[in-house]
């Protein structure tokens, strides 16, 4: 079982290594549900990662070409 932070970082690594990926592909690779992928992507967006989402045929998630650093603001819940 993967923890939330591990899952978020794994999705970020996948997006940095690939031009565009679907939630289904990420879920299959990471062995998590598609719903969990969407949750982690939402959390990454809130943390400052500018993930681009394209819907429809040929859509998926990607990082902007200008994305080079990780502006994450992750803190444990109290």
PDB file of N, CA and C in Angstrom:
ATOM      1  N   UNK A   1       0.841  -1.183   0.000  1.00  0.00           N
ATOM      2  CA  UNK A   1       0.000   0.000   0.000  1.00  0.00           C
ATOM      3  C   UNK A   1       0.892   1.254   0.000  1.00  0.00           C
ATOM      4  N   UNK A   2       0.548   2.205  -0.820  1.00  0.00           N
ATOM      5  CA  UNK A   2       1.338   3.412  -0.995  1.00  0.00           C
ATOM      6  C   UNK A   2       0.758   4.551  -0.156  1.00  0.00           C
ATOM      7  N   UNK A   3       1.610   5.275   0.528  1.00  0.00           N
ATOM      8  CA  UNK A   3       1.177   6.439   1.291  1.00  0.00           C
ATOM      9  C   UNK A   3       0.871   7.607   0.370  1.00  0.00           C
ATOM     10  N   UNK A   4       0.162   8.578   0.896  1.00  0.00           N
ATOM     11  CA  UNK A   4      -0.261   9.732   0.094  1.00  0.00           C
ATOM     12  C   UNK A   4       0.929  10.473  -0.507  1.00  0.00           C
ATOM     13  N   UNK A   5       1.920  10.789   0.303  1.00  0.00           N
ATOM     14  CA  UNK A   5       3.081  11.532  -0.195  1.00  0.00           C
ATOM     15  C   UNK A   5       3.826  10.730  -1.250  1.00  0.00           C
ATOM     16  N   UNK A   6       4.004   9.429  -1.013  1.00  0.00           N
ATOM     17  CA  UNK A   6       4.662   8.576  -2.010  1.00  0.00           C
ATOM     18  C   UNK A   6       3.888   8.573  -3.321  1.00  0.00           C
ATOM     19  N   UNK A   7       2.567   8.496  -3.225  1.00  0.00           N
ATOM     20  CA  UNK A   7       1.729   8.489  -4.420  1.00  0.00           C
ATOM     21  C   UNK A   7       1.831   9.787  -5.194  1.00  0.00           C
ATOM     22  N   UNK A   8       1.788  10.898  -4.482  1.00  0.00           N
ATOM     23  CA  UNK A   8       1.887  12.204  -5.132  1.00  0.00           C
ATOM     24  C   UNK A   8       3.235  12.363  -5.833  1.00  0.00           C
ATOM     25  N   UNK A   9       4.294  11.972  -5.167  1.00  0.00           N
ATOM     26  CA  UNK A   9       5.625  12.091  -5.764  1.00  0.00           C
ATOM     27  C   UNK A   9       5.799  11.132  -6.939  1.00  0.00           C
ATOM     28  N   UNK A  10       5.191   9.963  -6.850  1.00  0.00           N
ATOM     29  CA  UNK A  10       5.259   9.007  -7.961  1.00  0.00           C
ATOM     30  C   UNK A  10       4.546   9.561  -9.192  1.00  0.00           C
ATOM     31  N   UNK A  11       3.387  10.178  -8.998  1.00  0.00           N
ATOM     32  CA  UNK A  11       2.673  10.794 -10.114  1.00  0.00           C
ATOM     33  C   UNK A  11       3.501  11.926 -10.701  1.00  0.00           C
ATOM     34  N   UNK A  12       4.111  12.719  -9.857  1.00  0.00           N
ATOM     35  CA  UNK A  12       4.956  13.811 -10.341  1.00  0.00           C
ATOM     36  C   UNK A  12       6.120  13.267 -11.160  1.00  0.00           C
ATOM     37  N   UNK A  13       6.746  12.194 -10.701  1.00  0.00           N
ATOM     38  CA  UNK A  13       7.845  11.592 -11.447  1.00  0.00           C
ATOM     39  C   UNK A  13       7.367  11.072 -12.813  1.00  0.00           C
ATOM     40  N   UNK A  14       6.198  10.427 -12.822  1.00  0.00           N
ATOM     41  CA  UNK A  14       5.653   9.936 -14.086  1.00  0.00           C
ATOM     42  C   UNK A  14       5.398  11.079 -15.060  1.00  0.00           C
ATOM     43  N   UNK A  15       4.828  12.161 -14.565  1.00  0.00           N
ATOM     44  CA  UNK A  15       4.524  13.297 -15.436  1.00  0.00           C
ATOM     45  C   UNK A  15       5.792  13.983 -15.939  1.00  0.00           C
ATOM     46  N   UNK A  16       6.836  14.003 -15.121  1.00  0.00           N
ATOM     47  CA  UNK A  16       8.096  14.601 -15.566  1.00  0.00           C
ATOM     48  C   UNK A  16       8.780  13.732 -16.609  1.00  0.00           C
ATOM     49  N   UNK A  17       8.584  12.420 -16.530  1.00  0.00           N
ATOM     50  CA  UNK A  17       9.255  11.493 -17.439  1.00  0.00           C
ATOM     51  C   UNK A  17       8.498  11.279 -18.743  1.00  0.00           C
ATOM     52  N   UNK A  18       7.223  11.661 -18.789  1.00  0.00           N
ATOM     53  CA  UNK A  18       6.393  11.417 -19.970  1.00  0.00           C
ATOM     54  C   UNK A  18       5.752  12.713 -20.429  1.00  0.00           C
ATOM     55  N   UNK A  19       5.531  12.799 -21.733  1.00  0.00           N
ATOM     56  CA  UNK A  19       4.934  14.014 -22.277  1.00  0.00           C
ATOM     57  C   UNK A  19       3.497  14.207 -21.807  1.00  0.00           C
ATOM     58  N   UNK A  20       2.711  13.126 -21.845  1.00  0.00           N
ATOM     59  CA  UNK A  20       1.321  13.190 -21.418  1.00  0.00           C
ATOM     60  C   UNK A  20       0.893  11.801 -20.981  1.00  0.00           C
ATOM     61  N   UNK A  21       0.091  11.723 -19.927  1.00  0.00           N
ATOM     62  CA  UNK A  21      -0.383  10.429 -19.437  1.00  0.00           C
ATOM     63  C   UNK A  21      -1.833  10.538 -19.005  1.00  0.00           C
ATOM     64  N   UNK A  22      -2.567   9.451 -19.183  1.00  0.00           N
ATOM     65  CA  UNK A  22      -3.937   9.406 -18.694  1.00  0.00           C
ATOM     66  C   UNK A  22      -3.950   8.924 -17.248  1.00  0.00           C
ATOM     67  N   UNK A  23      -5.030   9.216 -16.569  1.00  0.00           N
ATOM     68  CA  UNK A  23      -5.190   8.751 -15.190  1.00  0.00           C
ATOM     69  C   UNK A  23      -5.202   7.223 -15.161  1.00  0.00           C
ATOM     70  N   UNK A  24      -5.799   6.611 -16.160  1.00  0.00           N
ATOM     71  CA  UNK A  24      -5.862   5.154 -16.219  1.00  0.00           C
ATOM     72  C   UNK A  24      -4.471   4.542 -16.322  1.00  0.00           C
ATOM     73  N   UNK A  25      -3.619   5.133 -17.146  1.00  0.00           N
ATOM     74  CA  UNK A  25      -2.253   4.629 -17.296  1.00  0.00           C
ATOM     75  C   UNK A  25      -1.469   4.782 -16.004  1.00  0.00           C
ATOM     76  N   UNK A  26      -1.594   5.941 -15.365  1.00  0.00           N
ATOM     77  CA  UNK A  26      -0.886   6.153 -14.097  1.00  0.00           C
ATOM     78  C   UNK A  26      -1.380   5.175 -13.035  1.00  0.00           C
ATOM     79  N   UNK A  27      -2.694   4.958 -12.986  1.00  0.00           N
ATOM     80  CA  UNK A  27      -3.263   4.036 -12.005  1.00  0.00           C
ATOM     81  C   UNK A  27      -2.727   2.627 -12.217  1.00  0.00           C
ATOM     82  N   UNK A  28      -2.634   2.215 -13.466  1.00  0.00           N
ATOM     83  CA  UNK A  28      -2.127   0.874 -13.770  1.00  0.00           C
ATOM     84  C   UNK A  28      -0.663   0.727 -13.378  1.00  0.00           C
ATOM     85  N   UNK A  29       0.147   1.714 -13.715  1.00  0.00           N
ATOM     86  CA  UNK A  29       1.577   1.666 -13.391  1.00  0.00           C
ATOM     87  C   UNK A  29       1.801   1.656 -11.884  1.00  0.00           C
ATOM     88  N   UNK A  30       1.072   2.512 -11.171  1.00  0.00           N
ATOM     89  CA  UNK A  30       1.269   2.657  -9.726  1.00  0.00           C
ATOM     90  C   UNK A  30       0.457   1.659  -8.904  1.00  0.00           C
ATOM     91  N   UNK A  31      -0.401   0.901  -9.583  1.00  0.00           N
ATOM     92  CA  UNK A  31      -1.257  -0.089  -8.923  1.00  0.00           C
ATOM     93  C   UNK A  31      -2.145   0.550  -7.859  1.00  0.00           C
ATOM     94  N   UNK A  32      -2.795   1.651  -8.266  1.00  0.00           N
ATOM     95  CA  UNK A  32      -3.759   2.348  -7.424  1.00  0.00           C
ATOM     96  C   UNK A  32      -5.008   2.603  -8.270  1.00  0.00           C
ATOM     97  N   UNK A  33      -6.079   3.063  -7.651  1.00  0.00           N
ATOM     98  CA  UNK A  33      -7.304   3.320  -8.400  1.00  0.00           C
ATOM     99  C   UNK A  33      -7.209   4.639  -9.171  1.00  0.00           C
ATOM    100  N   UNK A  34      -8.018   4.740 -10.217  1.00  0.00           N
ATOM    101  CA  UNK A  34      -8.087   5.971 -11.005  1.00  0.00           C
ATOM    102  C   UNK A  34      -8.560   7.120 -10.111  1.00  0.00           C
ATOM    103  N   UNK A  35      -9.499   6.841  -9.233  1.00  0.00           N
ATOM    104  CA  UNK A  35      -9.991   7.868  -8.314  1.00  0.00           C
ATOM    105  C   UNK A  35      -8.862   8.411  -7.433  1.00  0.00           C
ATOM    106  N   UNK A  36      -7.980   7.528  -6.985  1.00  0.00           N
ATOM    107  CA  UNK A  36      -6.838   7.962  -6.170  1.00  0.00           C
ATOM    108  C   UNK A  36      -5.889   8.830  -6.988  1.00  0.00           C
ATOM    109  N   UNK A  37      -5.692   8.493  -8.260  1.00  0.00           N
ATOM    110  CA  UNK A  37      -4.851   9.325  -9.142  1.00  0.00           C
ATOM    111  C   UNK A  37      -5.424  10.737  -9.193  1.00  0.00           C
ATOM    112  N   UNK A  38      -6.738  10.853  -9.401  1.00  0.00           N
ATOM    113  CA  UNK A  38      -7.365  12.174  -9.453  1.00  0.00           C
ATOM    114  C   UNK A  38      -7.207  12.914  -8.128  1.00  0.00           C
ATOM    115  N   UNK A  39      -7.324  12.212  -7.010  1.00  0.00           N
ATOM    116  CA  UNK A  39      -7.130  12.852  -5.694  1.00  0.00           C
ATOM    117  C   UNK A  39      -5.703  13.394  -5.565  1.00  0.00           C
ATOM    118  N   UNK A  40      -4.728  12.573  -5.953  1.00  0.00           N
ATOM    119  CA  UNK A  40      -3.331  12.997  -5.843  1.00  0.00           C
ATOM    120  C   UNK A  40      -3.030  14.171  -6.765  1.00  0.00           C
ATOM    121  N   UNK A  41      -3.605  14.172  -7.954  1.00  0.00           N
ATOM    122  CA  UNK A  41      -3.408  15.290  -8.879  1.00  0.00           C
ATOM    123  C   UNK A  41      -4.002  16.563  -8.296  1.00  0.00           C
ATOM    124  N   UNK A  42      -5.179  16.464  -7.693  1.00  0.00           N
ATOM    125  CA  UNK A  42      -5.777  17.626  -7.024  1.00  0.00           C
ATOM    126  C   UNK A  42      -4.875  18.142  -5.912  1.00  0.00           C
ATOM    127  N   UNK A  43      -4.326  17.236  -5.112  1.00  0.00           N
ATOM    128  CA  UNK A  43      -3.430  17.641  -4.024  1.00  0.00           C
ATOM    129  C   UNK A  43      -2.155  18.293  -4.564  1.00  0.00           C
ATOM    130  N   UNK A  44      -1.630  17.765  -5.651  1.00  0.00           N
ATOM    131  CA  UNK A  44      -0.438  18.374  -6.255  1.00  0.00           C
ATOM    132  C   UNK A  44      -0.744  19.781  -6.744  1.00  0.00           C
ATOM    133  N   UNK A  45      -1.907  19.977  -7.358  1.00  0.00           N
ATOM    134  CA  UNK A  45      -2.307  21.320  -7.805  1.00  0.00           C
ATOM    135  C   UNK A  45      -2.394  22.276  -6.635  1.00  0.00           C
ATOM    136  N   UNK A  46      -3.008  21.861  -5.546  1.00  0.00           N
ATOM    137  CA  UNK A  46      -3.127  22.707  -4.355  1.00  0.00           C
ATOM    138  C   UNK A  46      -1.747  23.020  -3.777  1.00  0.00           C
ATOM    139  N   UNK A  47      -0.813  22.086  -3.964  1.00  0.00           N
ATOM    140  CA  UNK A  47       0.546  22.270  -3.447  1.00  0.00           C
ATOM    141  C   UNK A  47       1.410  23.144  -4.340  1.00  0.00           C
ATOM    142  N   UNK A  48       0.870  23.583  -5.477  1.00  0.00           N
ATOM    143  CA  UNK A  48       1.616  24.494  -6.338  1.00  0.00           C
ATOM    144  C   UNK A  48       2.146  23.896  -7.622  1.00  0.00           C
ATOM    145  N   UNK A  49       1.836  22.632  -7.914  1.00  0.00           N
ATOM    146  CA  UNK A  49       2.302  22.014  -9.151  1.00  0.00           C
ATOM    147  C   UNK A  49       1.274  22.295 -10.246  1.00  0.00           C
ATOM    148  N   UNK A  50       1.673  22.965 -11.341  1.00  0.00           N
ATOM    149  CA  UNK A  50       0.731  23.364 -12.395  1.00  0.00           C
ATOM    150  C   UNK A  50       0.465  22.245 -13.397  1.00  0.00           C
ATOM    151  N   UNK A  51      -0.337  21.266 -13.025  1.00  0.00           N
ATOM    152  CA  UNK A  51      -0.640  20.146 -13.909  1.00  0.00           C
ATOM    153  C   UNK A  51      -1.727  20.573 -14.901  1.00  0.00           C
ATOM    154  N   UNK A  52      -1.463  20.313 -16.167  1.00  0.00           N
ATOM    155  CA  UNK A  52      -2.405  20.649 -17.234  1.00  0.00           C
ATOM    156  C   UNK A  52      -3.250  19.413 -17.528  1.00  0.00           C
ATOM    157  N   UNK A  53      -4.564  19.592 -17.566  1.00  0.00           N
ATOM    158  CA  UNK A  53      -5.477  18.493 -17.872  1.00  0.00           C
ATOM    159  C   UNK A  53      -6.167  18.759 -19.202  1.00  0.00           C
ATOM    160  N   UNK A  54      -6.139  17.771 -20.080  1.00  0.00           N
ATOM    161  CA  UNK A  54      -6.837  17.866 -21.360  1.00  0.00           C
ATOM    162  C   UNK A  54      -7.846  16.733 -21.423  1.00  0.00           C
ATOM    163  N   UNK A  55      -9.105  17.065 -21.641  1.00  0.00           N
ATOM    164  CA  UNK A  55     -10.136  16.031 -21.707  1.00  0.00           C
ATOM    165  C   UNK A  55     -10.350  15.572 -23.141  1.00  0.00           C
ATOM    166  N   UNK A  56     -11.082  14.492 -23.278  1.00  0.00           N
ATOM    167  CA  UNK A  56     -11.416  13.986 -24.603  1.00  0.00           C
ATOM    168  C   UNK A  56     -10.398  13.006 -25.151  1.00  0.00           C
ATOM    169  N   UNK A  57     -10.652  12.572 -26.381  1.00  0.00           N
ATOM    170  CA  UNK A  57      -9.762  11.619 -27.059  1.00  0.00           C
ATOM    171  C   UNK A  57      -8.371  12.218 -27.207  1.00  0.00           C
ATOM    172  N   UNK A  58      -7.359  11.491 -26.783  1.00  0.00           N
ATOM    173  CA  UNK A  58      -5.992  11.991 -26.863  1.00  0.00           C
ATOM    174  C   UNK A  58      -5.621  12.896 -25.707  1.00  0.00           C
ATOM    175  N   UNK A  59      -6.521  13.036 -24.743  1.00  0.00           N
ATOM    176  CA  UNK A  59      -6.257  13.894 -23.588  1.00  0.00           C
ATOM    177  C   UNK A  59      -5.417  13.193 -22.542  1.00  0.00           C
ATOM    178  N   UNK A  60      -5.237  13.863 -21.456  1.00  0.00           N
ATOM    179  CA  UNK A  60      -4.458  13.320 -20.353  1.00  0.00           C
ATOM    180  C   UNK A  60      -3.907  14.450 -19.503  1.00  0.00           C
ATOM    181  N   UNK A  61      -2.950  14.122 -18.694  1.00  0.00           N
ATOM    182  CA  UNK A  61      -2.319  15.091 -17.807  1.00  0.00           C
ATOM    183  C   UNK A  61      -0.877  15.288 -18.230  1.00  0.00           C
ATOM    184  N   UNK A  62      -0.408  16.534 -18.055  1.00  0.00           N
ATOM    185  CA  UNK A  62       0.994  16.836 -18.363  1.00  0.00           C
ATOM    186  C   UNK A  62       1.447  18.038 -17.551  1.00  0.00           C
ATOM    187  N   UNK A  63       2.747  18.198 -17.505  1.00  0.00           N
ATOM    188  CA  UNK A  63       3.338  19.367 -16.864  1.00  0.00           C
ATOM    189  C   UNK A  63       3.689  20.375 -17.951  1.00  0.00           C
ATOM    190  N   UNK A  64       3.638  21.665 -17.646  1.00  0.00           N
ATOM    191  CA  UNK A  64       4.044  22.660 -18.643  1.00  0.00           C
ATOM    192  C   UNK A  64       5.520  22.480 -18.998  1.00  0.00           C
ATOM    193  N   UNK A  65       5.875  22.822 -20.213  1.00  0.00           N
ATOM    194  CA  UNK A  65       7.269  22.699 -20.663  1.00  0.00           C
ATOM    195  C   UNK A  65       8.210  23.531 -19.796  1.00  0.00           C
ATOM    196  N   UNK A  66       7.689  24.594 -19.207  1.00  0.00           N
ATOM    197  CA  UNK A  66       8.518  25.482 -18.397  1.00  0.00           C
ATOM    198  C   UNK A  66       8.688  24.989 -16.962  1.00  0.00           C
ATOM    199  N   UNK A  67       7.994  23.914 -16.604  1.00  0.00           N
ATOM    200  CA  UNK A  67       8.081  23.402 -15.230  1.00  0.00           C
ATOM    201  C   UNK A  67       9.443  22.763 -15.015  1.00  0.00           C
ATOM    202  N   UNK A  68      10.187  23.275 -14.029  1.00  0.00           N
ATOM    203  CA  UNK A  68      11.517  22.725 -13.775  1.00  0.00           C
ATOM    204  C   UNK A  68      11.787  22.445 -12.309  1.00  0.00           C
ATOM    205  N   UNK A  69      11.035  23.061 -11.416  1.00  0.00           N
ATOM    206  CA  UNK A  69      11.279  22.818 -10.001  1.00  0.00           C
ATOM    207  C   UNK A  69      10.006  22.307  -9.341  1.00  0.00           C
ATOM    208  N   UNK A  70      10.149  21.890  -8.117  1.00  0.00           N
ATOM    209  CA  UNK A  70       9.028  21.328  -7.380  1.00  0.00           C
ATOM    210  C   UNK A  70       8.639  22.275  -6.245  1.00  0.00           C
ATOM    211  N   UNK A  71       7.634  23.138  -6.471  1.00  0.00           N
ATOM    212  CA  UNK A  71       7.223  24.085  -5.431  1.00  0.00           C
ATOM    213  C   UNK A  71       6.194  23.469  -4.480  1.00  0.00           C
ATOM    214  N   UNK A  72       6.541  22.335  -3.887  1.00  0.00           N
ATOM    215  CA  UNK A  72       5.583  21.642  -3.032  1.00  0.00           C
ATOM    216  C   UNK A  72       5.538  22.243  -1.634  1.00  0.00           C
ATOM    217  N   UNK A  73       4.339  22.313  -1.117  1.00  0.00           N
ATOM    218  CA  UNK A  73       4.126  22.786   0.252  1.00  0.00           C
ATOM    219  C   UNK A  73       3.383  21.679   0.981  1.00  0.00           C
ATOM    220  N   UNK A  74       4.115  20.621   1.294  1.00  0.00           N
ATOM    221  CA  UNK A  74       3.504  19.472   1.927  1.00  0.00           C
ATOM    222  C   UNK A  74       3.836  19.471   3.412  1.00  0.00           C
ATOM    223  N   UNK A  75       2.816  19.424   4.221  1.00  0.00           N
ATOM    224  CA  UNK A  75       3.025  19.352   5.663  1.00  0.00           C
ATOM    225  C   UNK A  75       2.127  18.278   6.230  1.00  0.00           C
ATOM    226  N   UNK A  76       2.602  17.588   7.257  1.00  0.00           N
ATOM    227  CA  UNK A  76       1.751  16.562   7.863  1.00  0.00           C
ATOM    228  C   UNK A  76       0.575  17.202   8.593  1.00  0.00           C
ATOM    229  N   UNK A  77      -0.534  16.492   8.594  1.00  0.00           N
ATOM    230  CA  UNK A  77      -1.700  16.989   9.312  1.00  0.00           C
ATOM    231  C   UNK A  77      -1.503  16.756  10.801  1.00  0.00           C
ATOM    232  N   UNK A  78      -2.022  17.685  11.580  1.00  0.00           N
ATOM    233  CA  UNK A  78      -1.910  17.537  13.040  1.00  0.00           C
ATOM    234  C   UNK A  78      -3.052  16.730  13.580  1.00  0.00           C
TER     235      UNK A  78
END
